[in-house]
Amino acid sequence: MTVAVPLAGLRPDEGRLVVAGGREIALFLTLAGPRAIDASCPHAGGPLHDGLLSGTRVTCPLHLRHVDLDTGEVDDCRERVRCYPARIAGDAVLLDL
């Protein structure tokens, strides 16, 4: 399933919550391109779309754990977040769920 998210509503270096296919996804526009991950931190359910972005890592706003947007790895946590392929096509970001 592919979901289109309009680019007009996205800002570079800020996260946005996208609900699609029954999932909550945190979408980011980084210098390396769009990145999409599950929106909840596995540590305590923090809203990753509200976290601070640095390169391709976001810091969870609850307990300051870092999440790698390319691998889903979370500092000091065995669990990972799921990553979704994302690409820009015209005036939208396409998410593959």
N, C-alpha and C. Protein backbone atom coordinates (compact mmCIF):
# COMPACT_ATOMS: atom_id res chain seq x y z
N MET A 1 0.85 -1.17 0.00
CA MET A 1 0.00 0.00 0.00
C MET A 1 0.89 1.24 0.00
N THR A 2 0.64 2.16 -0.91
CA THR A 2 1.38 3.41 -0.99
C THR A 2 0.45 4.56 -0.64
N VAL A 3 0.94 5.45 0.23
CA VAL A 3 0.16 6.60 0.68
C VAL A 3 0.89 7.87 0.26
N ALA A 4 0.15 8.83 -0.29
CA ALA A 4 0.72 10.11 -0.70
C ALA A 4 0.42 11.17 0.36
N VAL A 5 1.47 11.88 0.79
CA VAL A 5 1.33 12.97 1.76
C VAL A 5 1.79 14.24 1.05
N PRO A 6 0.94 15.28 0.99
CA PRO A 6 1.33 16.51 0.29
C PRO A 6 2.58 17.15 0.91
N LEU A 7 3.51 17.54 0.06
CA LEU A 7 4.72 18.22 0.52
C LEU A 7 4.40 19.58 1.14
N ALA A 8 3.34 20.21 0.71
CA ALA A 8 3.00 21.56 1.17
C ALA A 8 2.84 21.62 2.68
N GLY A 9 2.43 20.55 3.32
CA GLY A 9 2.21 20.55 4.76
C GLY A 9 3.42 20.15 5.59
N LEU A 10 4.55 19.92 4.93
CA LEU A 10 5.76 19.46 5.63
C LEU A 10 6.81 20.56 5.68
N ARG A 11 7.53 20.61 6.80
CA ARG A 11 8.64 21.56 6.94
C ARG A 11 9.93 20.79 7.13
N PRO A 12 11.00 21.26 6.51
CA PRO A 12 12.29 20.60 6.73
C PRO A 12 12.66 20.60 8.21
N ASP A 13 13.22 19.51 8.66
CA ASP A 13 13.72 19.34 10.02
C ASP A 13 12.63 19.36 11.10
N GLU A 14 11.38 19.14 10.72
CA GLU A 14 10.28 19.01 11.68
C GLU A 14 9.51 17.74 11.37
N GLY A 15 9.00 17.11 12.41
CA GLY A 15 8.21 15.91 12.22
C GLY A 15 6.73 16.22 12.04
N ARG A 16 6.05 15.27 11.44
CA ARG A 16 4.60 15.40 11.26
C ARG A 16 3.98 14.03 11.48
N LEU A 17 2.87 14.01 12.19
CA LEU A 17 2.15 12.77 12.41
C LEU A 17 1.26 12.51 11.20
N VAL A 18 1.38 11.30 10.66
CA VAL A 18 0.55 10.86 9.53
C VAL A 18 -0.16 9.58 9.96
N VAL A 19 -1.46 9.53 9.80
CA VAL A 19 -2.22 8.32 10.10
C VAL A 19 -2.63 7.71 8.77
N ALA A 20 -2.15 6.49 8.53
CA ALA A 20 -2.42 5.83 7.25
C ALA A 20 -2.39 4.32 7.45
N GLY A 21 -3.29 3.64 6.79
CA GLY A 21 -3.32 2.18 6.87
C GLY A 21 -3.45 1.67 8.29
N GLY A 22 -4.13 2.44 9.15
CA GLY A 22 -4.30 2.04 10.54
C GLY A 22 -3.06 2.22 11.40
N ARG A 23 -2.07 2.93 10.87
CA ARG A 23 -0.82 3.14 11.60
C ARG A 23 -0.58 4.62 11.83
N GLU A 24 0.09 4.94 12.95
CA GLU A 24 0.55 6.30 13.20
C GLU A 24 2.03 6.34 12.83
N ILE A 25 2.36 7.24 11.91
CA ILE A 25 3.71 7.32 11.36
C ILE A 25 4.25 8.72 11.57
N ALA A 26 5.52 8.80 11.98
CA ALA A 26 6.22 10.08 12.09
C ALA A 26 6.98 10.28 10.79
N LEU A 27 6.68 11.38 10.10
CA LEU A 27 7.30 11.69 8.81
C LEU A 27 8.20 12.91 8.98
N PHE A 28 9.42 12.81 8.45
CA PHE A 28 10.40 13.89 8.55
C PHE A 28 10.98 14.19 7.17
N LEU A 29 11.25 15.47 6.92
CA LEU A 29 12.00 15.88 5.74
C LEU A 29 13.40 16.23 6.20
N THR A 30 14.37 15.38 5.90
CA THR A 30 15.75 15.62 6.29
C THR A 30 16.54 16.07 5.07
N LEU A 31 17.77 16.52 5.29
CA LEU A 31 18.63 16.88 4.16
C LEU A 31 18.92 15.67 3.29
N ALA A 32 18.85 14.48 3.87
CA ALA A 32 19.08 13.23 3.14
C ALA A 32 17.81 12.72 2.45
N GLY A 33 16.71 13.45 2.57
CA GLY A 33 15.44 13.04 1.98
C GLY A 33 14.41 12.72 3.03
N PRO A 34 13.21 12.32 2.61
CA PRO A 34 12.16 12.01 3.58
C PRO A 34 12.45 10.72 4.32
N ARG A 35 12.04 10.69 5.59
CA ARG A 35 12.18 9.51 6.43
C ARG A 35 10.86 9.29 7.15
N ALA A 36 10.46 8.03 7.31
CA ALA A 36 9.20 7.70 7.97
C ALA A 36 9.43 6.52 8.91
N ILE A 37 8.92 6.66 10.16
CA ILE A 37 9.05 5.62 11.17
C ILE A 37 7.74 5.54 11.96
N ASP A 38 7.58 4.46 12.73
CA ASP A 38 6.44 4.42 13.65
C ASP A 38 6.51 5.64 14.56
N ALA A 39 5.37 6.20 14.90
CA ALA A 39 5.31 7.47 15.63
C ALA A 39 5.57 7.35 17.12
N SER A 40 5.52 6.14 17.70
CA SER A 40 5.69 5.98 19.14
C SER A 40 7.04 5.36 19.47
N CYS A 41 7.72 5.96 20.43
CA CYS A 41 8.98 5.40 20.92
C CYS A 41 8.68 4.09 21.66
N PRO A 42 9.43 3.03 21.39
CA PRO A 42 9.14 1.77 22.07
C PRO A 42 9.47 1.79 23.56
N HIS A 43 10.25 2.74 24.01
CA HIS A 43 10.61 2.80 25.43
C HIS A 43 9.41 3.14 26.30
N ALA A 44 8.71 4.26 25.97
CA ALA A 44 7.57 4.67 26.81
C ALA A 44 6.46 5.31 25.99
N GLY A 45 6.46 5.09 24.68
CA GLY A 45 5.38 5.60 23.84
C GLY A 45 5.45 7.07 23.52
N GLY A 46 6.63 7.68 23.66
CA GLY A 46 6.77 9.10 23.36
C GLY A 46 6.45 9.42 21.91
N PRO A 47 5.90 10.61 21.64
CA PRO A 47 5.52 11.00 20.28
C PRO A 47 6.75 11.44 19.47
N LEU A 48 7.29 10.55 18.68
CA LEU A 48 8.53 10.84 17.96
C LEU A 48 8.38 11.99 16.97
N HIS A 49 7.19 12.21 16.45
CA HIS A 49 7.00 13.32 15.50
C HIS A 49 7.19 14.68 16.18
N ASP A 50 7.13 14.72 17.51
CA ASP A 50 7.37 15.95 18.27
C ASP A 50 8.82 16.10 18.71
N GLY A 51 9.66 15.13 18.37
CA GLY A 51 11.05 15.16 18.81
C GLY A 51 11.91 16.12 18.01
N LEU A 52 13.10 16.36 18.52
CA LEU A 52 14.07 17.22 17.84
C LEU A 52 14.85 16.40 16.84
N LEU A 53 14.95 16.92 15.62
CA LEU A 53 15.63 16.22 14.54
C LEU A 53 17.05 16.74 14.40
N SER A 54 17.99 15.82 14.23
CA SER A 54 19.38 16.16 13.97
C SER A 54 19.90 15.19 12.93
N GLY A 55 20.06 15.66 11.72
CA GLY A 55 20.47 14.77 10.63
C GLY A 55 19.39 13.75 10.36
N THR A 56 19.72 12.48 10.55
CA THR A 56 18.74 11.41 10.37
C THR A 56 18.48 10.70 11.70
N ARG A 57 18.51 11.49 12.78
CA ARG A 57 18.18 10.97 14.11
C ARG A 57 17.20 11.93 14.76
N VAL A 58 16.23 11.36 15.47
CA VAL A 58 15.27 12.17 16.21
C VAL A 58 15.40 11.82 17.69
N THR A 59 15.25 12.84 18.53
CA THR A 59 15.31 12.64 19.98
C THR A 59 13.90 12.60 20.53
N CYS A 60 13.57 11.50 21.21
CA CYS A 60 12.25 11.35 21.81
C CYS A 60 12.05 12.45 22.86
N PRO A 61 10.93 13.15 22.82
CA PRO A 61 10.71 14.25 23.76
C PRO A 61 10.46 13.81 25.20
N LEU A 62 10.16 12.55 25.44
CA LEU A 62 9.88 12.11 26.81
C LEU A 62 11.14 11.83 27.62
N HIS A 63 12.03 11.00 27.08
CA HIS A 63 13.19 10.57 27.86
C HIS A 63 14.51 10.77 27.12
N LEU A 64 14.47 11.55 26.05
CA LEU A 64 15.66 11.97 25.30
C LEU A 64 16.45 10.83 24.66
N ARG A 65 15.78 9.72 24.39
CA ARG A 65 16.44 8.65 23.65
C ARG A 65 16.51 9.02 22.17
N HIS A 66 17.61 8.64 21.53
CA HIS A 66 17.80 8.94 20.11
C HIS A 66 17.33 7.75 19.26
N VAL A 67 16.64 8.08 18.19
CA VAL A 67 16.14 7.06 17.26
C VAL A 67 16.74 7.33 15.89
N ASP A 68 17.36 6.31 15.31
CA ASP A 68 17.94 6.41 13.97
C ASP A 68 16.83 6.23 12.95
N LEU A 69 16.63 7.21 12.11
CA LEU A 69 15.53 7.17 11.14
C LEU A 69 15.79 6.20 9.98
N ASP A 70 17.03 5.76 9.82
CA ASP A 70 17.35 4.81 8.75
C ASP A 70 17.25 3.36 9.19
N THR A 71 17.55 3.10 10.47
CA THR A 71 17.57 1.71 10.96
C THR A 71 16.48 1.40 11.97
N GLY A 72 15.93 2.44 12.61
CA GLY A 72 14.95 2.23 13.67
C GLY A 72 15.56 1.93 15.02
N GLU A 73 16.88 1.90 15.11
CA GLU A 73 17.54 1.63 16.39
C GLU A 73 17.29 2.76 17.37
N VAL A 74 17.09 2.38 18.64
CA VAL A 74 16.82 3.33 19.72
C VAL A 74 17.91 3.19 20.77
N ASP A 75 18.53 4.33 21.16
CA ASP A 75 19.54 4.28 22.22
C ASP A 75 18.99 3.65 23.48
N ASP A 76 19.77 2.80 24.11
CA ASP A 76 19.43 2.20 25.40
C ASP A 76 18.10 1.45 25.39
N CYS A 77 17.75 0.85 24.27
CA CYS A 77 16.49 0.11 24.18
C CYS A 77 16.69 -1.06 23.22
N ARG A 78 16.25 -2.23 23.61
CA ARG A 78 16.39 -3.40 22.74
C ARG A 78 15.47 -3.33 21.53
N GLU A 79 14.32 -2.73 21.73
CA GLU A 79 13.33 -2.67 20.66
C GLU A 79 13.70 -1.59 19.65
N ARG A 80 13.19 -1.76 18.44
CA ARG A 80 13.38 -0.78 17.38
C ARG A 80 12.02 -0.25 16.96
N VAL A 81 12.05 0.87 16.25
CA VAL A 81 10.84 1.34 15.61
C VAL A 81 10.89 0.88 14.16
N ARG A 82 9.74 0.69 13.59
CA ARG A 82 9.67 0.26 12.20
C ARG A 82 9.91 1.45 11.29
N CYS A 83 10.71 1.24 10.26
CA CYS A 83 10.98 2.27 9.25
C CYS A 83 10.19 1.94 7.99
N TYR A 84 9.75 2.98 7.30
CA TYR A 84 8.97 2.82 6.08
C TYR A 84 9.68 3.52 4.92
N PRO A 85 9.75 2.90 3.76
CA PRO A 85 10.33 3.58 2.61
C PRO A 85 9.52 4.83 2.26
N ALA A 86 10.23 5.92 1.99
CA ALA A 86 9.58 7.18 1.64
C ALA A 86 10.38 7.85 0.53
N ARG A 87 9.68 8.46 -0.41
CA ARG A 87 10.35 9.15 -1.51
C ARG A 87 9.48 10.31 -1.99
N ILE A 88 10.12 11.30 -2.54
CA ILE A 88 9.40 12.44 -3.09
C ILE A 88 9.05 12.15 -4.54
N ALA A 89 7.80 12.43 -4.88
CA ALA A 89 7.32 12.27 -6.26
C ALA A 89 6.43 13.48 -6.56
N GLY A 90 6.94 14.40 -7.36
CA GLY A 90 6.17 15.60 -7.67
C GLY A 90 6.00 16.45 -6.43
N ASP A 91 4.74 16.72 -6.07
CA ASP A 91 4.45 17.56 -4.91
C ASP A 91 3.98 16.75 -3.70
N ALA A 92 4.43 15.49 -3.62
CA ALA A 92 4.03 14.62 -2.51
C ALA A 92 5.18 13.74 -2.04
N VAL A 93 5.05 13.26 -0.83
CA VAL A 93 5.94 12.21 -0.32
C VAL A 93 5.14 10.91 -0.38
N LEU A 94 5.70 9.91 -1.01
CA LEU A 94 5.05 8.61 -1.11
C LEU A 94 5.61 7.70 -0.04
N LEU A 95 4.72 7.14 0.79
CA LEU A 95 5.09 6.20 1.85
C LEU A 95 4.65 4.82 1.45
N ASP A 96 5.56 3.87 1.53
CA ASP A 96 5.22 2.47 1.26
C ASP A 96 4.97 1.77 2.58
N LEU A 97 3.72 1.38 2.81
CA LEU A 97 3.36 0.72 4.07
C LEU A 97 3.27 -0.78 3.90
